[in-house]
Amino acid sequence: MEPFLFIPVIIIYFLNFVTTGVIMKIFPHLLLILISVSFSQEPINYETKLIEKDHLFYTKDTNKPYSGPVFSLYDDGKKKDEGNLKDGKMISKTKWTWYKNGQKWSEGNYKNGKVDASFTFWYENGQKNYEENYKDGIKVGSWNGWYENGQKSSEWTFKDGKRNGLWDSWYENGQKSSERIYKDGKIDGLEMYWYETGQKYREITYQDGELINELHWTENGLDSGELIFHFKNGEIWKKGNIKNGKLDGEFIEYGFFGTEDIYHKRILQNYKDGKLDGEYNNYFGTGDVNVVGNYKDGKLEGRYTYYDKDGKIYWEGIYKDDVLVEETSFIGSKGPFRLN
């Protein structure tokens, strides 16, 4: 039925029942609601019905900025987004992405082109993966993460775009893995880490974002001995020694490189009483040396050299008390260099 035919019918219907003062009082309000509903604007597909110019949307026939509800679809017919245009500008929008099996992958809200309110992600099995919160594009409030089995993985808070308050994370078995407190974007107080067994392995003390002290424990709870961390597949991630709770001696970090998951040494560091001290090496994914440097009492000291994959030096600097005092670049004079 056409709107203009529909409204008189409704009016006549209600007039037949207007017999009391109460009905007479509320009738004008009911009539306004009925008229607004009858003339509500139908959403249109803005990707097919409108033209976009300089981030504004115009009608194809009149070339005027469009106002009203809009939506768009993916090729398979699933909804991509829906929102509202005012004078051609997208003032609000909700956007979706989907897995191939039809499960929702993400849903986010936008206002005036910026992320606003919640932005949520799901696993392919339908379990919520991550939930973020924004205001005018700025991170705010609670941010939460979950494992695919539903166990919570993280709980963070932001204030005006900065990390703030208690930040927690958990292992997949439910055991807490880390805890720290932020104040105005900086860690303040204790930062603690636990093994998956529940034994604490690291405790760091901060004051106004500055590291004051750091202690470590082995998986057996000892403050001296070999410290080893593993990847989920059992391969060693990092190993070294601690002495009275402090990192001491050589520490080697391993990793996987490239699409072939090549596993070998990534970083070699030396510590003394918990501070970097001595030679530092960084390696390419091929296993070749990329960087050679030196630390003293936690600060860069002496020569710091970058090599390409053929072992040729392409940059060299001299540090004194963590400050670069001299540098030489060989790019352009002794190239080409093989870095990838």
C-alpha atoms as a PDB file:
ATOM      1  CA  MET A   1       0.000   0.000   0.000  1.00  0.00           C
ATOM      2  CA  GLU A   2       1.281   3.485  -0.867  1.00  0.00           C
ATOM      3  CA  PRO A   3       2.146   5.772   2.125  1.00  0.00           C
ATOM      4  CA  PHE A   4      -0.455   8.399   1.178  1.00  0.00           C
ATOM      5  CA  LEU A   5      -3.201   5.729   1.066  1.00  0.00           C
ATOM      6  CA  PHE A   6      -1.960   4.063   4.236  1.00  0.00           C
ATOM      7  CA  ILE A   7      -2.106   7.148   6.487  1.00  0.00           C
ATOM      8  CA  PRO A   8      -5.833   8.074   5.913  1.00  0.00           C
ATOM      9  CA  VAL A   9      -6.842   4.485   6.618  1.00  0.00           C
ATOM     10  CA  ILE A  10      -4.988   4.585   9.944  1.00  0.00           C
ATOM     11  CA  ILE A  11      -6.494   7.955  10.826  1.00  0.00           C
ATOM     12  CA  ILE A  12     -10.060   6.758  10.121  1.00  0.00           C
ATOM     13  CA  TYR A  13      -9.403   3.587  12.113  1.00  0.00           C
ATOM     14  CA  PHE A  14      -8.290   5.534  15.183  1.00  0.00           C
ATOM     15  CA  LEU A  15     -11.063   8.139  14.914  1.00  0.00           C
ATOM     16  CA  ASN A  16     -13.612   5.361  15.236  1.00  0.00           C
ATOM     17  CA  PHE A  17     -12.172   4.566  18.696  1.00  0.00           C
ATOM     18  CA  VAL A  18     -11.609   8.142  19.961  1.00  0.00           C
ATOM     19  CA  THR A  19     -14.277   8.104  22.687  1.00  0.00           C
ATOM     20  CA  THR A  20     -12.375   9.226  25.783  1.00  0.00           C
ATOM     21  CA  GLY A  21     -10.347  12.282  26.776  1.00  0.00           C
ATOM     22  CA  VAL A  22      -7.271  10.110  27.280  1.00  0.00           C
ATOM     23  CA  ILE A  23      -7.303   8.865  23.686  1.00  0.00           C
ATOM     24  CA  MET A  24      -7.843  12.425  22.463  1.00  0.00           C
ATOM     25  CA  LYS A  25      -4.715  13.547  24.352  1.00  0.00           C
ATOM     26  CA  ILE A  26      -2.380  10.835  23.055  1.00  0.00           C
ATOM     27  CA  PHE A  27      -3.768  10.658  19.528  1.00  0.00           C
ATOM     28  CA  PRO A  28      -1.692  13.557  18.075  1.00  0.00           C
ATOM     29  CA  HIS A  29       1.504  11.861  19.300  1.00  0.00           C
ATOM     30  CA  LEU A  30       0.475   8.530  17.833  1.00  0.00           C
ATOM     31  CA  LEU A  31      -0.310  10.216  14.542  1.00  0.00           C
ATOM     32  CA  LEU A  32       3.144  11.841  14.355  1.00  0.00           C
ATOM     33  CA  ILE A  33       4.822   8.483  15.015  1.00  0.00           C
ATOM     34  CA  LEU A  34       2.755   6.757  12.333  1.00  0.00           C
ATOM     35  CA  ILE A  35       3.538   9.450   9.772  1.00  0.00           C
ATOM     36  CA  SER A  36       7.301   9.332  10.508  1.00  0.00           C
ATOM     37  CA  VAL A  37       7.336   5.533  10.221  1.00  0.00           C
ATOM     38  CA  SER A  38       5.407   5.659   6.955  1.00  0.00           C
ATOM     39  CA  PHE A  39       7.886   8.067   5.393  1.00  0.00           C
ATOM     40  CA  SER A  40      11.112   6.501   6.810  1.00  0.00           C
ATOM     41  CA  GLN A  41      13.896   6.414   4.240  1.00  0.00           C
ATOM     42  CA  GLU A  42      14.917   3.028   2.867  1.00  0.00           C
ATOM     43  CA  PRO A  43      18.685   2.243   2.963  1.00  0.00           C
ATOM     44  CA  ILE A  44      20.419   2.157  -0.435  1.00  0.00           C
ATOM     45  CA  ASN A  45      23.609   0.451  -1.636  1.00  0.00           C
ATOM     46  CA  TYR A  46      25.947   3.427  -1.831  1.00  0.00           C
ATOM     47  CA  GLU A  47      28.552   1.525  -3.892  1.00  0.00           C
ATOM     48  CA  THR A  48      26.081   0.973  -6.745  1.00  0.00           C
ATOM     49  CA  LYS A  49      23.639   3.880  -6.358  1.00  0.00           C
ATOM     50  CA  LEU A  50      25.964   6.778  -5.513  1.00  0.00           C
ATOM     51  CA  ILE A  51      29.159   8.358  -6.838  1.00  0.00           C
ATOM     52  CA  GLU A  52      32.106   9.111  -4.535  1.00  0.00           C
ATOM     53  CA  LYS A  53      34.126  12.303  -5.054  1.00  0.00           C
ATOM     54  CA  ASP A  54      36.700  13.574  -2.555  1.00  0.00           C
ATOM     55  CA  HIS A  55      35.330  11.296   0.183  1.00  0.00           C
ATOM     56  CA  LEU A  56      31.768  12.575  -0.344  1.00  0.00           C
ATOM     57  CA  PHE A  57      28.877  10.641  -1.902  1.00  0.00           C
ATOM     58  CA  TYR A  58      26.572  12.144  -4.552  1.00  0.00           C
ATOM     59  CA  THR A  59      23.414  10.994  -6.320  1.00  0.00           C
ATOM     60  CA  LYS A  60      23.990   9.880  -9.907  1.00  0.00           C
ATOM     61  CA  ASP A  61      20.994  11.701 -11.382  1.00  0.00           C
ATOM     62  CA  THR A  62      21.082  15.060  -9.569  1.00  0.00           C
ATOM     63  CA  ASN A  63      24.770  15.083  -8.573  1.00  0.00           C
ATOM     64  CA  LYS A  64      23.811  16.388  -5.123  1.00  0.00           C
ATOM     65  CA  PRO A  65      25.334  15.241  -1.795  1.00  0.00           C
ATOM     66  CA  TYR A  66      23.252  12.376  -0.460  1.00  0.00           C
ATOM     67  CA  SER A  67      21.760  12.106   3.035  1.00  0.00           C
ATOM     68  CA  GLY A  68      20.230   8.962   4.474  1.00  0.00           C
ATOM     69  CA  PRO A  69      20.916   5.352   5.520  1.00  0.00           C
ATOM     70  CA  VAL A  70      23.226   3.300   3.273  1.00  0.00           C
ATOM     71  CA  PHE A  71      24.860  -0.123   3.049  1.00  0.00           C
ATOM     72  CA  SER A  72      27.181  -2.143   0.820  1.00  0.00           C
ATOM     73  CA  LEU A  73      27.617  -5.867   0.068  1.00  0.00           C
ATOM     74  CA  TYR A  74      30.445  -8.267  -0.693  1.00  0.00           C
ATOM     75  CA  ASP A  75      30.389 -10.200  -3.984  1.00  0.00           C
ATOM     76  CA  ASP A  76      28.826 -13.204  -2.242  1.00  0.00           C
ATOM     77  CA  GLY A  77      25.960 -11.051  -0.934  1.00  0.00           C
ATOM     78  CA  LYS A  78      27.101 -10.806   2.673  1.00  0.00           C
ATOM     79  CA  LYS A  79      26.787  -7.378   4.222  1.00  0.00           C
ATOM     80  CA  LYS A  80      30.025  -5.372   4.141  1.00  0.00           C
ATOM     81  CA  ASP A  81      28.886  -2.303   6.024  1.00  0.00           C
ATOM     82  CA  GLU A  82      25.952  -0.058   6.846  1.00  0.00           C
ATOM     83  CA  GLY A  83      25.864   3.538   7.955  1.00  0.00           C
ATOM     84  CA  ASN A  84      24.440   7.009   7.566  1.00  0.00           C
ATOM     85  CA  LEU A  85      25.343   9.813   5.164  1.00  0.00           C
ATOM     86  CA  LYS A  86      24.711  13.473   5.891  1.00  0.00           C
ATOM     87  CA  ASP A  87      25.333  15.961   3.087  1.00  0.00           C
ATOM     88  CA  GLY A  88      27.438  13.308   1.382  1.00  0.00           C
ATOM     89  CA  LYS A  89      29.655  12.587   4.396  1.00  0.00           C
ATOM     90  CA  MET A  90      29.696   9.199   6.121  1.00  0.00           C
ATOM     91  CA  ILE A  91      28.947  10.256   9.707  1.00  0.00           C
ATOM     92  CA  SER A  92      28.578   6.732  11.137  1.00  0.00           C
ATOM     93  CA  LYS A  93      29.290   3.221   9.902  1.00  0.00           C
ATOM     94  CA  THR A  94      29.432  -0.371  11.090  1.00  0.00           C
ATOM     95  CA  LYS A  95      31.746  -2.623   9.069  1.00  0.00           C
ATOM     96  CA  TRP A  96      31.921  -6.431   8.888  1.00  0.00           C
ATOM     97  CA  THR A  97      34.355  -9.021   7.516  1.00  0.00           C
ATOM     98  CA  TRP A  98      33.587 -12.757   7.202  1.00  0.00           C
ATOM     99  CA  TYR A  99      35.323 -16.134   7.069  1.00  0.00           C
ATOM    100  CA  LYS A 100      34.687 -18.375   4.058  1.00  0.00           C
ATOM    101  CA  ASN A 101      32.482 -20.609   6.209  1.00  0.00           C
ATOM    102  CA  GLY A 102      30.118 -17.682   6.833  1.00  0.00           C
ATOM    103  CA  GLN A 103      31.314 -16.988  10.379  1.00  0.00           C
ATOM    104  CA  LYS A 104      31.802 -13.347  11.235  1.00  0.00           C
ATOM    105  CA  TRP A 105      35.490 -12.377  11.441  1.00  0.00           C
ATOM    106  CA  SER A 106      35.226  -8.767  12.602  1.00  0.00           C
ATOM    107  CA  GLU A 107      32.736  -6.013  13.369  1.00  0.00           C
ATOM    108  CA  GLY A 108      33.732  -2.404  13.938  1.00  0.00           C
ATOM    109  CA  ASN A 109      32.045   0.948  14.378  1.00  0.00           C
ATOM    110  CA  TYR A 110      33.115   4.247  12.847  1.00  0.00           C
ATOM    111  CA  LYS A 111      32.083   7.849  13.419  1.00  0.00           C
ATOM    112  CA  ASN A 112      33.143  10.656  11.092  1.00  0.00           C
ATOM    113  CA  GLY A 113      35.770   8.373   9.557  1.00  0.00           C
ATOM    114  CA  LYS A 114      37.351   7.320  12.873  1.00  0.00           C
ATOM    115  CA  VAL A 115      37.028   4.073  14.801  1.00  0.00           C
ATOM    116  CA  ASP A 116      34.483   4.675  17.548  1.00  0.00           C
ATOM    117  CA  ALA A 117      33.016   2.430  20.270  1.00  0.00           C
ATOM    118  CA  SER A 118      33.749  -1.309  20.070  1.00  0.00           C
ATOM    119  CA  PHE A 119      35.730  -3.261  17.468  1.00  0.00           C
ATOM    120  CA  THR A 120      35.421  -7.035  17.808  1.00  0.00           C
ATOM    121  CA  PHE A 121      37.186 -10.026  16.205  1.00  0.00           C
ATOM    122  CA  TRP A 122      36.202 -13.715  16.214  1.00  0.00           C
ATOM    123  CA  TYR A 123      37.894 -17.042  15.520  1.00  0.00           C
ATOM    124  CA  GLU A 124      36.576 -19.170  12.676  1.00  0.00           C
ATOM    125  CA  ASN A 125      34.807 -21.420  15.197  1.00  0.00           C
ATOM    126  CA  GLY A 126      32.734 -18.449  16.451  1.00  0.00           C
ATOM    127  CA  GLN A 127      34.665 -17.903  19.682  1.00  0.00           C
ATOM    128  CA  LYS A 128      35.439 -14.258  20.360  1.00  0.00           C
ATOM    129  CA  ASN A 129      39.115 -13.500  19.736  1.00  0.00           C
ATOM    130  CA  TYR A 130      39.617  -9.860  20.641  1.00  0.00           C
ATOM    131  CA  GLU A 131      37.574  -6.846  21.687  1.00  0.00           C
ATOM    132  CA  GLU A 132      38.827  -3.253  21.494  1.00  0.00           C
ATOM    133  CA  ASN A 133      37.276   0.096  22.454  1.00  0.00           C
ATOM    134  CA  TYR A 134      37.790   3.525  20.914  1.00  0.00           C
ATOM    135  CA  LYS A 135      36.498   7.058  21.172  1.00  0.00           C
ATOM    136  CA  ASP A 136      37.052   9.314  18.153  1.00  0.00           C
ATOM    137  CA  GLY A 137      39.832   6.987  16.991  1.00  0.00           C
ATOM    138  CA  ILE A 138      41.616   6.968  20.361  1.00  0.00           C
ATOM    139  CA  LYS A 139      42.111   3.800  22.427  1.00  0.00           C
ATOM    140  CA  VAL A 140      39.999   3.876  25.602  1.00  0.00           C
ATOM    141  CA  GLY A 141      38.588   1.560  28.244  1.00  0.00           C
ATOM    142  CA  SER A 142      38.902  -2.187  28.442  1.00  0.00           C
ATOM    143  CA  TRP A 143      40.629  -4.307  25.764  1.00  0.00           C
ATOM    144  CA  ASN A 144      40.186  -8.074  26.107  1.00  0.00           C
ATOM    145  CA  GLY A 145      41.537 -11.135  24.329  1.00  0.00           C
ATOM    146  CA  TRP A 146      40.621 -14.834  24.366  1.00  0.00           C
ATOM    147  CA  TYR A 147      42.159 -18.096  23.190  1.00  0.00           C
ATOM    148  CA  GLU A 148      40.261 -20.240  20.718  1.00  0.00           C
ATOM    149  CA  ASN A 149      39.144 -22.498  23.573  1.00  0.00           C
ATOM    150  CA  GLY A 150      37.423 -19.541  25.296  1.00  0.00           C
ATOM    151  CA  GLN A 151      40.073 -19.010  27.975  1.00  0.00           C
ATOM    152  CA  LYS A 152      40.901 -15.335  28.458  1.00  0.00           C
ATOM    153  CA  SER A 153      44.354 -14.410  27.144  1.00  0.00           C
ATOM    154  CA  SER A 154      44.637 -10.726  28.060  1.00  0.00           C
ATOM    155  CA  GLU A 155      42.910  -7.846  29.814  1.00  0.00           C
ATOM    156  CA  TRP A 156      44.220  -4.318  29.256  1.00  0.00           C
ATOM    157  CA  THR A 157      42.980  -0.784  29.880  1.00  0.00           C
ATOM    158  CA  PHE A 158      43.603   2.491  28.067  1.00  0.00           C
ATOM    159  CA  LYS A 159      42.924   6.090  29.032  1.00  0.00           C
ATOM    160  CA  ASP A 160      43.056   8.803  26.363  1.00  0.00           C
ATOM    161  CA  GLY A 161      45.112   6.528  24.110  1.00  0.00           C
ATOM    162  CA  LYS A 162      47.683   5.637  26.779  1.00  0.00           C
ATOM    163  CA  ARG A 163      48.167   2.402  28.673  1.00  0.00           C
ATOM    164  CA  ASN A 164      46.663   2.799  32.111  1.00  0.00           C
ATOM    165  CA  GLY A 165      45.952   0.659  35.136  1.00  0.00           C
ATOM    166  CA  LEU A 166      46.360  -3.086  35.517  1.00  0.00           C
ATOM    167  CA  TRP A 167      47.438  -5.170  32.500  1.00  0.00           C
ATOM    168  CA  ASP A 168      47.110  -8.959  32.813  1.00  0.00           C
ATOM    169  CA  SER A 169      47.778 -11.887  30.486  1.00  0.00           C
ATOM    170  CA  TRP A 170      47.229 -15.639  30.861  1.00  0.00           C
ATOM    171  CA  TYR A 171      48.453 -18.901  29.380  1.00  0.00           C
ATOM    172  CA  GLU A 172      46.000 -21.102  27.527  1.00  0.00           C
ATOM    173  CA  ASN A 173      45.710 -23.342  30.601  1.00  0.00           C
ATOM    174  CA  GLY A 174      44.404 -20.389  32.667  1.00  0.00           C
ATOM    175  CA  GLN A 175      47.627 -19.718  34.586  1.00  0.00           C
ATOM    176  CA  LYS A 176      48.560 -16.033  34.716  1.00  0.00           C
ATOM    177  CA  SER A 177      51.617 -15.281  32.570  1.00  0.00           C
ATOM    178  CA  SER A 178      52.218 -11.594  33.329  1.00  0.00           C
ATOM    179  CA  GLU A 179      50.986  -8.642  35.351  1.00  0.00           C
ATOM    180  CA  ARG A 180      51.960  -4.981  35.270  1.00  0.00           C
ATOM    181  CA  ILE A 181      50.547  -1.577  36.149  1.00  0.00           C
ATOM    182  CA  TYR A 182      50.686   1.475  33.899  1.00  0.00           C
ATOM    183  CA  LYS A 183      50.339   5.099  34.892  1.00  0.00           C
ATOM    184  CA  ASP A 184      49.913   7.703  32.151  1.00  0.00           C
ATOM    185  CA  GLY A 185      51.416   5.317  29.575  1.00  0.00           C
ATOM    186  CA  LYS A 186      54.443   4.266  31.643  1.00  0.00           C
ATOM    187  CA  ILE A 187      54.982   1.133  33.707  1.00  0.00           C
ATOM    188  CA  ASP A 188      54.903   2.022  37.404  1.00  0.00           C
ATOM    189  CA  GLY A 189      55.733  -0.397  40.195  1.00  0.00           C
ATOM    190  CA  LEU A 190      56.141  -4.143  39.657  1.00  0.00           C
ATOM    191  CA  GLU A 191      56.079  -6.039  36.360  1.00  0.00           C
ATOM    192  CA  MET A 192      55.864  -9.788  36.955  1.00  0.00           C
ATOM    193  CA  TYR A 193      56.080 -12.912  34.775  1.00  0.00           C
ATOM    194  CA  TRP A 194      55.320 -16.558  35.524  1.00  0.00           C
ATOM    195  CA  TYR A 195      56.142 -19.908  33.957  1.00  0.00           C
ATOM    196  CA  GLU A 196      53.192 -21.957  32.739  1.00  0.00           C
ATOM    197  CA  THR A 197      53.579 -24.024  35.916  1.00  0.00           C
ATOM    198  CA  GLY A 198      52.830 -20.977  38.083  1.00  0.00           C
ATOM    199  CA  GLN A 199      56.419 -20.408  39.252  1.00  0.00           C
ATOM    200  CA  LYS A 200      57.499 -16.772  38.940  1.00  0.00           C
ATOM    201  CA  TYR A 201      60.455 -16.296  36.581  1.00  0.00           C
ATOM    202  CA  ARG A 202      60.907 -12.530  36.343  1.00  0.00           C
ATOM    203  CA  GLU A 203      60.172  -9.474  38.469  1.00  0.00           C
ATOM    204  CA  ILE A 204      60.998  -5.947  37.369  1.00  0.00           C
ATOM    205  CA  THR A 205      60.625  -2.796  39.456  1.00  0.00           C
ATOM    206  CA  TYR A 206      59.867   0.515  37.740  1.00  0.00           C
ATOM    207  CA  GLN A 207      59.483   4.040  39.027  1.00  0.00           C
ATOM    208  CA  ASP A 208      57.916   6.594  36.660  1.00  0.00           C
ATOM    209  CA  GLY A 209      58.787   4.352  33.703  1.00  0.00           C
ATOM    210  CA  GLU A 210      62.437   3.904  34.699  1.00  0.00           C
ATOM    211  CA  LEU A 211      63.776   0.400  35.425  1.00  0.00           C
ATOM    212  CA  ILE A 212      65.058   0.245  39.011  1.00  0.00           C
ATOM    213  CA  ASN A 213      65.703  -3.462  39.554  1.00  0.00           C
ATOM    214  CA  GLU A 214      65.239  -6.825  37.796  1.00  0.00           C
ATOM    215  CA  LEU A 215      65.277 -10.360  39.213  1.00  0.00           C
ATOM    216  CA  HIS A 216      64.977 -13.813  37.596  1.00  0.00           C
ATOM    217  CA  TRP A 217      64.283 -17.363  38.757  1.00  0.00           C
ATOM    218  CA  THR A 218      64.719 -20.773  37.161  1.00  0.00           C
ATOM    219  CA  GLU A 219      61.711 -23.009  36.541  1.00  0.00           C
ATOM    220  CA  ASN A 220      62.560 -24.737  39.837  1.00  0.00           C
ATOM    221  CA  GLY A 221      62.394 -21.446  41.716  1.00  0.00           C
ATOM    222  CA  LEU A 222      66.163 -21.023  42.099  1.00  0.00           C
ATOM    223  CA  ASP A 223      67.805 -17.600  41.787  1.00  0.00           C
ATOM    224  CA  SER A 224      70.999 -19.112  40.347  1.00  0.00           C
ATOM    225  CA  GLY A 225      71.473 -21.627  37.531  1.00  0.00           C
ATOM    226  CA  GLU A 226      70.514 -22.140  33.902  1.00  0.00           C
ATOM    227  CA  LEU A 227      67.567 -20.152  32.577  1.00  0.00           C
ATOM    228  CA  ILE A 228      65.808 -21.703  29.560  1.00  0.00           C
ATOM    229  CA  PHE A 229      62.669 -20.664  27.699  1.00  0.00           C
ATOM    230  CA  HIS A 230      61.002 -22.772  24.988  1.00  0.00           C
ATOM    231  CA  PHE A 231      58.706 -22.301  21.999  1.00  0.00           C
ATOM    232  CA  LYS A 232      55.431 -24.242  22.054  1.00  0.00           C
ATOM    233  CA  ASN A 233      56.979 -26.879  19.783  1.00  0.00           C
ATOM    234  CA  GLY A 234      59.673 -27.561  22.395  1.00  0.00           C
ATOM    235  CA  GLU A 235      62.556 -25.806  20.617  1.00  0.00           C
ATOM    236  CA  ILE A 236      64.689 -23.472  22.745  1.00  0.00           C
ATOM    237  CA  TRP A 237      63.795 -19.770  22.450  1.00  0.00           C
ATOM    238  CA  LYS A 238      66.348 -18.300  24.869  1.00  0.00           C
ATOM    239  CA  LYS A 239      68.924 -19.731  27.237  1.00  0.00           C
ATOM    240  CA  GLY A 240      71.619 -18.447  29.583  1.00  0.00           C
ATOM    241  CA  ASN A 241      72.517 -18.284  33.253  1.00  0.00           C
ATOM    242  CA  ILE A 242      71.453 -16.291  36.285  1.00  0.00           C
ATOM    243  CA  LYS A 243      73.444 -15.560  39.405  1.00  0.00           C
ATOM    244  CA  ASN A 244      71.701 -14.290  42.532  1.00  0.00           C
ATOM    245  CA  GLY A 245      68.658 -13.494  40.386  1.00  0.00           C
ATOM    246  CA  LYS A 246      70.623 -11.478  37.816  1.00  0.00           C
ATOM    247  CA  LEU A 247      71.381 -12.378  34.196  1.00  0.00           C
ATOM    248  CA  ASP A 248      75.032 -13.370  34.014  1.00  0.00           C
ATOM    249  CA  GLY A 249      77.272 -14.469  31.151  1.00  0.00           C
ATOM    250  CA  GLU A 250      76.305 -15.424  27.612  1.00  0.00           C
ATOM    251  CA  PHE A 251      72.665 -15.443  26.530  1.00  0.00           C
ATOM    252  CA  ILE A 252      71.577 -16.857  23.176  1.00  0.00           C
ATOM    253  CA  GLU A 253      68.195 -16.275  21.577  1.00  0.00           C
ATOM    254  CA  TYR A 254      66.980 -18.623  18.834  1.00  0.00           C
ATOM    255  CA  GLY A 255      64.198 -18.218  16.327  1.00  0.00           C
ATOM    256  CA  PHE A 256      62.439 -19.270  13.140  1.00  0.00           C
ATOM    257  CA  PHE A 257      63.092 -17.413   9.887  1.00  0.00           C
ATOM    258  CA  GLY A 258      61.188 -17.152   6.625  1.00  0.00           C
ATOM    259  CA  THR A 259      58.406 -19.268   5.173  1.00  0.00           C
ATOM    260  CA  GLU A 260      60.507 -22.409   5.607  1.00  0.00           C
ATOM    261  CA  ASP A 261      60.720 -21.894   9.386  1.00  0.00           C
ATOM    262  CA  ILE A 262      64.508 -22.129   9.462  1.00  0.00           C
ATOM    263  CA  TYR A 263      65.554 -22.452  13.108  1.00  0.00           C
ATOM    264  CA  HIS A 264      68.882 -21.101  14.335  1.00  0.00           C
ATOM    265  CA  LYS A 265      70.602 -18.452  16.445  1.00  0.00           C
ATOM    266  CA  ARG A 266      69.150 -14.920  16.221  1.00  0.00           C
ATOM    267  CA  ILE A 267      70.864 -12.911  18.956  1.00  0.00           C
ATOM    268  CA  LEU A 268      73.907 -13.380  21.168  1.00  0.00           C
ATOM    269  CA  GLN A 269      74.255 -11.145  24.229  1.00  0.00           C
ATOM    270  CA  ASN A 270      76.540 -11.008  27.258  1.00  0.00           C
ATOM    271  CA  TYR A 271      75.513  -9.875  30.728  1.00  0.00           C
ATOM    272  CA  LYS A 272      77.271  -8.925  33.937  1.00  0.00           C
ATOM    273  CA  ASP A 273      75.284  -8.438  37.120  1.00  0.00           C
ATOM    274  CA  GLY A 274      72.052  -8.135  35.111  1.00  0.00           C
ATOM    275  CA  LYS A 275      73.324  -5.548  32.610  1.00  0.00           C
ATOM    276  CA  LEU A 276      74.460  -5.959  29.016  1.00  0.00           C
ATOM    277  CA  ASP A 277      78.238  -6.146  29.077  1.00  0.00           C
ATOM    278  CA  GLY A 278      80.508  -7.423  26.319  1.00  0.00           C
ATOM    279  CA  GLU A 279      79.949  -8.564  22.743  1.00  0.00           C
ATOM    280  CA  TYR A 280      76.546  -8.348  21.068  1.00  0.00           C
ATOM    281  CA  ASN A 281      75.691 -10.154  17.801  1.00  0.00           C
ATOM    282  CA  ASN A 282      72.579 -10.160  15.645  1.00  0.00           C
ATOM    283  CA  TYR A 283      72.068 -12.632  12.764  1.00  0.00           C
ATOM    284  CA  PHE A 284      70.303 -12.714   9.405  1.00  0.00           C
ATOM    285  CA  GLY A 285      67.661 -15.328   8.675  1.00  0.00           C
ATOM    286  CA  THR A 286      70.379 -17.221   6.782  1.00  0.00           C
ATOM    287  CA  GLY A 287      72.463 -17.465   9.958  1.00  0.00           C
ATOM    288  CA  ASP A 288      75.064 -14.953   8.722  1.00  0.00           C
ATOM    289  CA  VAL A 289      76.176 -12.182  11.070  1.00  0.00           C
ATOM    290  CA  ASN A 290      74.260  -8.924  10.584  1.00  0.00           C
ATOM    291  CA  VAL A 291      75.388  -6.774  13.532  1.00  0.00           C
ATOM    292  CA  VAL A 292      78.407  -6.818  15.852  1.00  0.00           C
ATOM    293  CA  GLY A 293      78.562  -4.409  18.769  1.00  0.00           C
ATOM    294  CA  ASN A 294      79.767  -4.003  22.314  1.00  0.00           C
ATOM    295  CA  TYR A 295      78.179  -2.991  25.625  1.00  0.00           C
ATOM    296  CA  LYS A 296      79.669  -1.842  28.900  1.00  0.00           C
ATOM    297  CA  ASP A 297      77.621  -1.583  32.068  1.00  0.00           C
ATOM    298  CA  GLY A 298      74.388  -1.657  30.046  1.00  0.00           C
ATOM    299  CA  LYS A 299      75.407   1.010  27.515  1.00  0.00           C
ATOM    300  CA  LEU A 300      76.758   0.873  23.970  1.00  0.00           C
ATOM    301  CA  GLU A 301      80.496   1.350  23.964  1.00  0.00           C
ATOM    302  CA  GLY A 302      83.011   1.206  21.118  1.00  0.00           C
ATOM    303  CA  ARG A 303      82.543  -0.059  17.570  1.00  0.00           C
ATOM    304  CA  TYR A 304      79.107  -1.024  16.205  1.00  0.00           C
ATOM    305  CA  THR A 305      79.143  -2.630  12.747  1.00  0.00           C
ATOM    306  CA  TYR A 306      76.507  -3.697  10.218  1.00  0.00           C
ATOM    307  CA  TYR A 307      77.345  -6.433   7.642  1.00  0.00           C
ATOM    308  CA  ASP A 308      75.497  -7.564   4.522  1.00  0.00           C
ATOM    309  CA  LYS A 309      74.845 -11.229   3.707  1.00  0.00           C
ATOM    310  CA  ASP A 310      78.202 -11.494   1.932  1.00  0.00           C
ATOM    311  CA  GLY A 311      80.061 -10.258   5.001  1.00  0.00           C
ATOM    312  CA  LYS A 312      80.759  -6.753   3.643  1.00  0.00           C
ATOM    313  CA  ILE A 313      80.534  -3.789   6.026  1.00  0.00           C
ATOM    314  CA  TYR A 314      77.927  -1.232   4.947  1.00  0.00           C
ATOM    315  CA  TRP A 315      77.729   0.929   8.108  1.00  0.00           C
ATOM    316  CA  GLU A 316      79.981   1.447  11.094  1.00  0.00           C
ATOM    317  CA  GLY A 317      79.669   3.649  14.151  1.00  0.00           C
ATOM    318  CA  ILE A 318      81.571   4.457  17.317  1.00  0.00           C
ATOM    319  CA  TYR A 319      79.683   4.808  20.609  1.00  0.00           C
ATOM    320  CA  LYS A 320      80.810   6.338  23.858  1.00  0.00           C
ATOM    321  CA  ASP A 321      78.658   5.984  26.952  1.00  0.00           C
ATOM    322  CA  ASP A 322      75.633   5.024  24.759  1.00  0.00           C
ATOM    323  CA  VAL A 323      76.066   8.080  22.485  1.00  0.00           C
ATOM    324  CA  LEU A 324      77.001   7.830  18.772  1.00  0.00           C
ATOM    325  CA  VAL A 325      80.113   9.992  18.313  1.00  0.00           C
ATOM    326  CA  GLU A 326      81.274   8.864  14.871  1.00  0.00           C
ATOM    327  CA  GLU A 327      79.734   7.028  11.905  1.00  0.00           C
ATOM    328  CA  THR A 328      80.657   5.919   8.395  1.00  0.00           C
ATOM    329  CA  SER A 329      78.279   4.681   5.720  1.00  0.00           C
ATOM    330  CA  PHE A 330      79.637   2.685   2.791  1.00  0.00           C
ATOM    331  CA  ILE A 331      76.345   2.544   0.886  1.00  0.00           C
ATOM    332  CA  GLY A 332      76.944   4.168  -2.478  1.00  0.00           C
ATOM    333  CA  SER A 333      80.735   3.945  -2.275  1.00  0.00           C
ATOM    334  CA  LYS A 334      81.385   0.222  -1.815  1.00  0.00           C
ATOM    335  CA  GLY A 335      78.041  -1.269  -2.888  1.00  0.00           C
ATOM    336  CA  PRO A 336      76.007  -2.975  -3.968  1.00  0.00           C
ATOM    337  CA  PHE A 337      75.173  -4.768  -0.738  1.00  0.00           C
ATOM    338  CA  ARG A 338      73.040  -7.860  -0.357  1.00  0.00           C
ATOM    339  CA  LEU A 339      70.660  -7.261   2.539  1.00  0.00           C
ATOM    340  CA  ASN A 340      67.638  -9.366   1.544  1.00  0.00           C
END
